[in-house]
Amino acid sequence: MALCYLDYVEEEETDPTYLDVNPVEYAISNPRRSSSHPTMGGSRVHQDFGAQTADREIRLRTDWMEAATLEDFQEKFAVIGEVWKWADFEDNGYLVFFRSLVAERIRGHDAYQVEMTFDVIEVL
């Protein structure tokens, strides 16, 4: 079992779903809110509004997830409007919105390759 898990935010209601193995890809992006526009005369105007926590995104991919674990993640993904607690293998904690879940079955096994994306709402 990996150290990464998804759980309810409220302490009274706890039902963590752990990854079976640590992800093979794990990326946290924090894009800058900015734009750059060409102007007359060959110059440019740059607007920079900084990097906001609300724009942060966590993307991960695992090469092995058991069917039962996938079902648990799919149940959480199906909950409308829920904010989840995500903890990763580096002891980072986040409040996240579960944005996407894509699973592809591994031929000959009752397991899947899974990609998930979370939108970060708050860093804990």
N, C-alpha and C. Protein backbone atom coordinates (compact mmCIF):
# COMPACT_ATOMS: atom_id res chain seq x y z
N MET A 1 0.85 -1.18 0.00
CA MET A 1 0.00 0.00 0.00
C MET A 1 0.89 1.24 0.00
N ALA A 2 0.50 2.20 -0.78
CA ALA A 2 1.24 3.46 -0.87
C ALA A 2 0.84 4.39 0.27
N LEU A 3 1.56 5.48 0.39
CA LEU A 3 1.28 6.46 1.44
C LEU A 3 0.26 7.51 1.01
N CYS A 4 -0.09 7.57 -0.26
CA CYS A 4 -1.03 8.57 -0.76
C CYS A 4 -2.46 8.11 -0.49
N TYR A 5 -3.31 9.04 -0.02
CA TYR A 5 -4.70 8.69 0.19
C TYR A 5 -5.62 9.88 0.01
N LEU A 6 -6.91 9.56 -0.23
CA LEU A 6 -7.98 10.55 -0.37
C LEU A 6 -8.99 10.25 0.72
N ASP A 7 -9.46 11.29 1.43
CA ASP A 7 -10.36 11.07 2.55
C ASP A 7 -11.32 12.24 2.69
N TYR A 8 -12.37 12.04 3.51
CA TYR A 8 -13.29 13.12 3.84
C TYR A 8 -12.56 14.18 4.65
N VAL A 9 -13.04 15.42 4.60
CA VAL A 9 -12.41 16.51 5.33
C VAL A 9 -12.76 16.45 6.81
N GLU A 10 -14.03 16.14 7.13
CA GLU A 10 -14.48 16.11 8.52
C GLU A 10 -13.80 14.97 9.27
N GLU A 11 -13.34 15.26 10.47
CA GLU A 11 -12.64 14.27 11.28
C GLU A 11 -13.57 13.14 11.73
N GLU A 12 -14.88 13.44 11.92
CA GLU A 12 -15.82 12.42 12.40
C GLU A 12 -16.06 11.34 11.34
N GLU A 13 -16.04 11.73 10.09
CA GLU A 13 -16.33 10.81 9.00
C GLU A 13 -15.03 10.53 8.25
N THR A 14 -14.43 9.39 8.53
CA THR A 14 -13.17 9.07 7.90
C THR A 14 -13.27 7.76 7.15
N ASP A 15 -12.83 7.75 5.93
CA ASP A 15 -12.84 6.58 5.07
C ASP A 15 -11.74 6.74 4.03
N PRO A 16 -10.46 6.68 4.48
CA PRO A 16 -9.38 6.93 3.52
C PRO A 16 -9.29 5.84 2.46
N THR A 17 -9.03 6.26 1.23
CA THR A 17 -8.78 5.34 0.12
C THR A 17 -7.33 5.53 -0.29
N TYR A 18 -6.52 4.51 -0.05
CA TYR A 18 -5.09 4.56 -0.34
C TYR A 18 -4.81 4.04 -1.75
N LEU A 19 -3.80 4.60 -2.39
CA LEU A 19 -3.31 4.02 -3.63
C LEU A 19 -2.66 2.68 -3.30
N ASP A 20 -2.71 1.73 -4.22
CA ASP A 20 -2.07 0.43 -4.01
C ASP A 20 -0.55 0.54 -4.07
N VAL A 21 -0.06 1.40 -4.94
CA VAL A 21 1.39 1.68 -5.06
C VAL A 21 1.56 3.18 -5.25
N ASN A 22 2.74 3.68 -4.92
CA ASN A 22 2.99 5.10 -5.13
C ASN A 22 2.93 5.42 -6.62
N PRO A 23 2.50 6.61 -6.97
CA PRO A 23 2.36 6.96 -8.38
C PRO A 23 3.72 6.97 -9.10
N VAL A 24 3.67 6.60 -10.40
CA VAL A 24 4.89 6.66 -11.21
C VAL A 24 5.11 8.08 -11.73
N GLU A 25 4.03 8.85 -11.81
CA GLU A 25 4.12 10.27 -12.14
C GLU A 25 3.30 11.03 -11.12
N TYR A 26 3.90 12.11 -10.60
CA TYR A 26 3.21 12.93 -9.61
C TYR A 26 3.68 14.36 -9.82
N ALA A 27 2.78 15.23 -10.25
CA ALA A 27 3.17 16.61 -10.56
C ALA A 27 2.19 17.58 -9.92
N ILE A 28 2.74 18.61 -9.32
CA ILE A 28 1.94 19.70 -8.78
C ILE A 28 2.30 20.94 -9.59
N SER A 29 1.34 21.45 -10.33
CA SER A 29 1.60 22.65 -11.14
C SER A 29 0.94 23.85 -10.48
N ASN A 30 1.58 24.98 -10.63
CA ASN A 30 1.06 26.23 -10.08
C ASN A 30 1.25 27.31 -11.12
N PRO A 31 0.39 27.33 -12.13
CA PRO A 31 0.59 28.29 -13.22
C PRO A 31 0.38 29.74 -12.77
N ARG A 32 1.08 30.60 -13.42
CA ARG A 32 0.98 32.04 -13.14
C ARG A 32 -0.19 32.61 -13.92
N ARG A 33 -0.98 33.46 -13.29
CA ARG A 33 -2.04 34.19 -14.01
C ARG A 33 -1.39 35.38 -14.66
N SER A 34 -1.23 35.27 -15.97
CA SER A 34 -0.57 36.35 -16.69
C SER A 34 -1.00 36.33 -18.15
N SER A 35 -0.68 37.41 -18.83
CA SER A 35 -0.92 37.47 -20.26
C SER A 35 0.11 38.41 -20.87
N SER A 36 0.32 38.22 -22.16
CA SER A 36 1.27 39.05 -22.90
C SER A 36 0.63 39.37 -24.24
N HIS A 37 0.57 40.66 -24.58
CA HIS A 37 -0.12 41.08 -25.80
C HIS A 37 0.78 41.98 -26.64
N PRO A 38 0.83 41.70 -27.95
CA PRO A 38 1.59 42.58 -28.83
C PRO A 38 0.85 43.92 -29.00
N THR A 39 1.61 44.97 -29.11
CA THR A 39 1.01 46.30 -29.31
C THR A 39 1.56 46.90 -30.60
N MET A 40 1.01 48.04 -30.93
CA MET A 40 1.48 48.77 -32.13
C MET A 40 2.95 49.14 -31.94
N GLY A 41 3.69 49.14 -32.96
CA GLY A 41 5.09 49.55 -32.89
C GLY A 41 6.04 48.44 -32.49
N GLY A 42 5.55 47.20 -32.37
CA GLY A 42 6.44 46.07 -32.10
C GLY A 42 6.75 45.80 -30.64
N SER A 43 6.13 46.46 -29.71
CA SER A 43 6.38 46.17 -28.29
C SER A 43 5.31 45.23 -27.75
N ARG A 44 5.37 44.92 -26.46
CA ARG A 44 4.40 44.03 -25.83
C ARG A 44 3.98 44.62 -24.48
N VAL A 45 2.76 44.30 -24.10
CA VAL A 45 2.24 44.64 -22.77
C VAL A 45 2.11 43.33 -21.99
N HIS A 46 2.70 43.30 -20.79
CA HIS A 46 2.65 42.11 -19.95
C HIS A 46 1.79 42.40 -18.72
N GLN A 47 0.88 41.49 -18.44
CA GLN A 47 0.08 41.58 -17.22
C GLN A 47 0.44 40.38 -16.36
N ASP A 48 0.73 40.62 -15.08
CA ASP A 48 1.14 39.55 -14.18
C ASP A 48 0.33 39.65 -12.89
N PHE A 49 -0.45 38.62 -12.61
CA PHE A 49 -1.29 38.62 -11.41
C PHE A 49 -0.82 37.58 -10.40
N GLY A 50 0.35 37.00 -10.63
CA GLY A 50 0.94 36.07 -9.68
C GLY A 50 0.38 34.65 -9.79
N ALA A 51 0.90 33.80 -8.93
CA ALA A 51 0.47 32.40 -8.87
C ALA A 51 -0.47 32.23 -7.67
N GLN A 52 -1.67 31.80 -7.93
CA GLN A 52 -2.69 31.66 -6.88
C GLN A 52 -2.84 30.19 -6.49
N THR A 53 -3.11 29.95 -5.21
CA THR A 53 -3.36 28.58 -4.75
C THR A 53 -4.52 27.96 -5.51
N ALA A 54 -5.51 28.76 -5.83
CA ALA A 54 -6.70 28.24 -6.53
C ALA A 54 -6.38 27.71 -7.93
N ASP A 55 -5.25 28.07 -8.49
CA ASP A 55 -4.86 27.59 -9.81
C ASP A 55 -3.99 26.35 -9.75
N ARG A 56 -3.61 25.92 -8.56
CA ARG A 56 -2.74 24.77 -8.39
C ARG A 56 -3.47 23.48 -8.76
N GLU A 57 -2.75 22.56 -9.35
CA GLU A 57 -3.35 21.31 -9.81
C GLU A 57 -2.40 20.16 -9.48
N ILE A 58 -2.98 19.05 -9.05
CA ILE A 58 -2.20 17.83 -8.80
C ILE A 58 -2.61 16.80 -9.83
N ARG A 59 -1.63 16.28 -10.56
CA ARG A 59 -1.87 15.22 -11.56
C ARG A 59 -1.00 14.03 -11.18
N LEU A 60 -1.61 12.86 -11.20
CA LEU A 60 -0.83 11.67 -10.89
C LEU A 60 -1.25 10.52 -11.80
N ARG A 61 -0.30 9.59 -11.94
CA ARG A 61 -0.56 8.39 -12.71
C ARG A 61 0.05 7.22 -11.97
N THR A 62 -0.73 6.16 -11.86
CA THR A 62 -0.24 4.94 -11.25
C THR A 62 -0.35 3.81 -12.26
N ASP A 63 0.65 2.94 -12.28
CA ASP A 63 0.66 1.82 -13.23
C ASP A 63 -0.07 0.60 -12.70
N TRP A 64 -0.48 0.63 -11.43
CA TRP A 64 -1.15 -0.55 -10.88
C TRP A 64 -2.15 -0.12 -9.81
N MET A 65 -3.43 -0.38 -10.09
CA MET A 65 -4.48 -0.16 -9.09
C MET A 65 -5.45 -1.33 -9.16
N GLU A 66 -5.63 -1.97 -8.03
CA GLU A 66 -6.56 -3.10 -7.95
C GLU A 66 -7.97 -2.61 -8.25
N ALA A 67 -8.82 -3.51 -8.75
CA ALA A 67 -10.20 -3.16 -9.10
C ALA A 67 -10.97 -2.63 -7.90
N ALA A 68 -10.79 -3.22 -6.73
CA ALA A 68 -11.51 -2.77 -5.53
C ALA A 68 -11.11 -1.35 -5.14
N THR A 69 -9.82 -1.04 -5.28
CA THR A 69 -9.35 0.32 -4.98
C THR A 69 -9.92 1.31 -5.98
N LEU A 70 -9.93 0.92 -7.26
CA LEU A 70 -10.52 1.79 -8.29
C LEU A 70 -11.99 2.07 -7.99
N GLU A 71 -12.73 1.06 -7.57
CA GLU A 71 -14.14 1.26 -7.22
C GLU A 71 -14.29 2.27 -6.10
N ASP A 72 -13.41 2.21 -5.09
CA ASP A 72 -13.46 3.18 -3.99
C ASP A 72 -13.20 4.60 -4.49
N PHE A 73 -12.21 4.77 -5.36
CA PHE A 73 -11.93 6.09 -5.93
C PHE A 73 -13.09 6.55 -6.81
N GLN A 74 -13.69 5.64 -7.58
CA GLN A 74 -14.83 6.01 -8.44
C GLN A 74 -16.03 6.46 -7.60
N GLU A 75 -16.25 5.82 -6.45
CA GLU A 75 -17.34 6.25 -5.56
C GLU A 75 -17.10 7.67 -5.06
N LYS A 76 -15.88 7.98 -4.69
CA LYS A 76 -15.56 9.34 -4.23
C LYS A 76 -15.68 10.34 -5.38
N PHE A 77 -15.23 9.94 -6.56
CA PHE A 77 -15.32 10.80 -7.74
C PHE A 77 -16.78 11.13 -8.07
N ALA A 78 -17.68 10.20 -7.82
CA ALA A 78 -19.10 10.38 -8.18
C ALA A 78 -19.85 11.32 -7.23
N VAL A 79 -19.29 11.61 -6.08
CA VAL A 79 -19.95 12.51 -5.13
C VAL A 79 -19.90 13.93 -5.67
N ILE A 80 -21.06 14.56 -5.79
CA ILE A 80 -21.16 15.89 -6.39
C ILE A 80 -20.78 16.97 -5.38
N GLY A 81 -19.87 17.86 -5.80
CA GLY A 81 -19.53 19.04 -5.02
C GLY A 81 -18.72 18.80 -3.76
N GLU A 82 -18.17 17.62 -3.58
CA GLU A 82 -17.43 17.30 -2.35
C GLU A 82 -16.01 17.83 -2.43
N VAL A 83 -15.51 18.34 -1.31
CA VAL A 83 -14.11 18.72 -1.17
C VAL A 83 -13.46 17.63 -0.34
N TRP A 84 -12.32 17.14 -0.82
CA TRP A 84 -11.64 16.02 -0.19
C TRP A 84 -10.31 16.44 0.39
N LYS A 85 -9.83 15.64 1.33
CA LYS A 85 -8.47 15.82 1.85
C LYS A 85 -7.57 14.84 1.09
N TRP A 86 -6.49 15.36 0.48
CA TRP A 86 -5.51 14.53 -0.22
C TRP A 86 -4.19 14.63 0.54
N ALA A 87 -3.61 13.50 0.84
CA ALA A 87 -2.29 13.45 1.48
C ALA A 87 -1.36 12.66 0.56
N ASP A 88 -0.17 13.19 0.35
CA ASP A 88 0.75 12.49 -0.55
C ASP A 88 1.89 11.84 0.22
N PHE A 89 2.77 11.17 -0.50
CA PHE A 89 3.87 10.41 0.11
C PHE A 89 4.97 11.31 0.66
N GLU A 90 4.87 12.62 0.46
CA GLU A 90 5.84 13.57 1.00
C GLU A 90 5.28 14.30 2.23
N ASP A 91 4.20 13.76 2.81
CA ASP A 91 3.53 14.33 3.99
C ASP A 91 2.93 15.71 3.73
N ASN A 92 2.57 16.00 2.48
CA ASN A 92 1.86 17.23 2.15
C ASN A 92 0.37 16.95 2.22
N GLY A 93 -0.39 17.92 2.70
CA GLY A 93 -1.83 17.78 2.77
C GLY A 93 -2.52 18.90 2.01
N TYR A 94 -3.63 18.56 1.35
CA TYR A 94 -4.36 19.54 0.54
C TYR A 94 -5.86 19.29 0.69
N LEU A 95 -6.63 20.35 0.55
CA LEU A 95 -8.06 20.22 0.31
C LEU A 95 -8.20 20.31 -1.20
N VAL A 96 -8.89 19.33 -1.80
CA VAL A 96 -8.94 19.25 -3.26
C VAL A 96 -10.35 18.97 -3.76
N PHE A 97 -10.55 19.36 -5.02
CA PHE A 97 -11.73 18.97 -5.78
C PHE A 97 -11.26 17.90 -6.76
N PHE A 98 -11.93 16.76 -6.77
CA PHE A 98 -11.56 15.60 -7.59
C PHE A 98 -12.08 15.86 -9.00
N ARG A 99 -11.21 16.34 -9.91
CA ARG A 99 -11.66 16.78 -11.24
C ARG A 99 -11.74 15.67 -12.28
N SER A 100 -10.77 14.75 -12.31
CA SER A 100 -10.85 13.72 -13.35
C SER A 100 -10.27 12.40 -12.86
N LEU A 101 -10.80 11.33 -13.46
CA LEU A 101 -10.38 9.97 -13.16
C LEU A 101 -10.48 9.17 -14.46
N VAL A 102 -9.34 8.69 -14.94
CA VAL A 102 -9.31 7.91 -16.17
C VAL A 102 -8.60 6.59 -15.86
N ALA A 103 -9.30 5.48 -16.13
CA ALA A 103 -8.73 4.16 -15.84
C ALA A 103 -8.67 3.33 -17.11
N GLU A 104 -7.57 2.61 -17.27
CA GLU A 104 -7.41 1.71 -18.41
C GLU A 104 -6.99 0.35 -17.87
N ARG A 105 -7.76 -0.66 -18.19
CA ARG A 105 -7.51 -2.00 -17.67
C ARG A 105 -6.19 -2.56 -18.21
N ILE A 106 -5.46 -3.25 -17.34
CA ILE A 106 -4.23 -3.92 -17.72
C ILE A 106 -4.60 -5.32 -18.20
N ARG A 107 -4.27 -5.61 -19.43
CA ARG A 107 -4.65 -6.89 -20.04
C ARG A 107 -4.14 -8.07 -19.21
N GLY A 108 -5.05 -9.02 -18.95
CA GLY A 108 -4.69 -10.23 -18.22
C GLY A 108 -4.70 -10.09 -16.71
N HIS A 109 -5.09 -8.91 -16.19
CA HIS A 109 -5.09 -8.68 -14.74
C HIS A 109 -6.39 -7.99 -14.34
N ASP A 110 -6.73 -8.14 -13.08
CA ASP A 110 -7.87 -7.41 -12.53
C ASP A 110 -7.35 -6.11 -11.90
N ALA A 111 -6.59 -5.36 -12.71
CA ALA A 111 -5.96 -4.14 -12.24
C ALA A 111 -5.97 -3.12 -13.38
N TYR A 112 -5.66 -1.87 -13.02
CA TYR A 112 -5.79 -0.75 -13.95
C TYR A 112 -4.61 0.20 -13.85
N GLN A 113 -4.34 0.88 -14.97
CA GLN A 113 -3.49 2.07 -14.96
C GLN A 113 -4.45 3.24 -14.80
N VAL A 114 -4.16 4.14 -13.87
CA VAL A 114 -5.11 5.19 -13.54
C VAL A 114 -4.43 6.55 -13.54
N GLU A 115 -5.11 7.53 -14.12
CA GLU A 115 -4.68 8.92 -14.05
C GLU A 115 -5.76 9.72 -13.32
N MET A 116 -5.34 10.55 -12.39
CA MET A 116 -6.27 11.38 -11.62
C MET A 116 -5.77 12.82 -11.59
N THR A 117 -6.72 13.74 -11.54
CA THR A 117 -6.40 15.16 -11.43
C THR A 117 -7.23 15.76 -10.30
N PHE A 118 -6.55 16.54 -9.45
CA PHE A 118 -7.22 17.26 -8.37
C PHE A 118 -6.93 18.74 -8.51
N ASP A 119 -7.96 19.57 -8.30
CA ASP A 119 -7.76 21.01 -8.20
C ASP A 119 -7.56 21.35 -6.74
N VAL A 120 -6.47 22.03 -6.43
CA VAL A 120 -6.15 22.37 -5.04
C VAL A 120 -7.01 23.57 -4.62
N ILE A 121 -7.68 23.42 -3.51
CA ILE A 121 -8.46 24.51 -2.94
C ILE A 121 -7.68 25.20 -1.82
N GLU A 122 -6.97 24.37 -1.03
CA GLU A 122 -6.20 24.92 0.08
C GLU A 122 -5.05 23.99 0.41
N VAL A 123 -3.92 24.56 0.77
CA VAL A 123 -2.77 23.77 1.25
C VAL A 123 -2.90 23.67 2.75
N LEU A 124 -2.81 22.45 3.28
CA LEU A 124 -2.93 22.25 4.74
C LEU A 124 -1.58 22.28 5.42
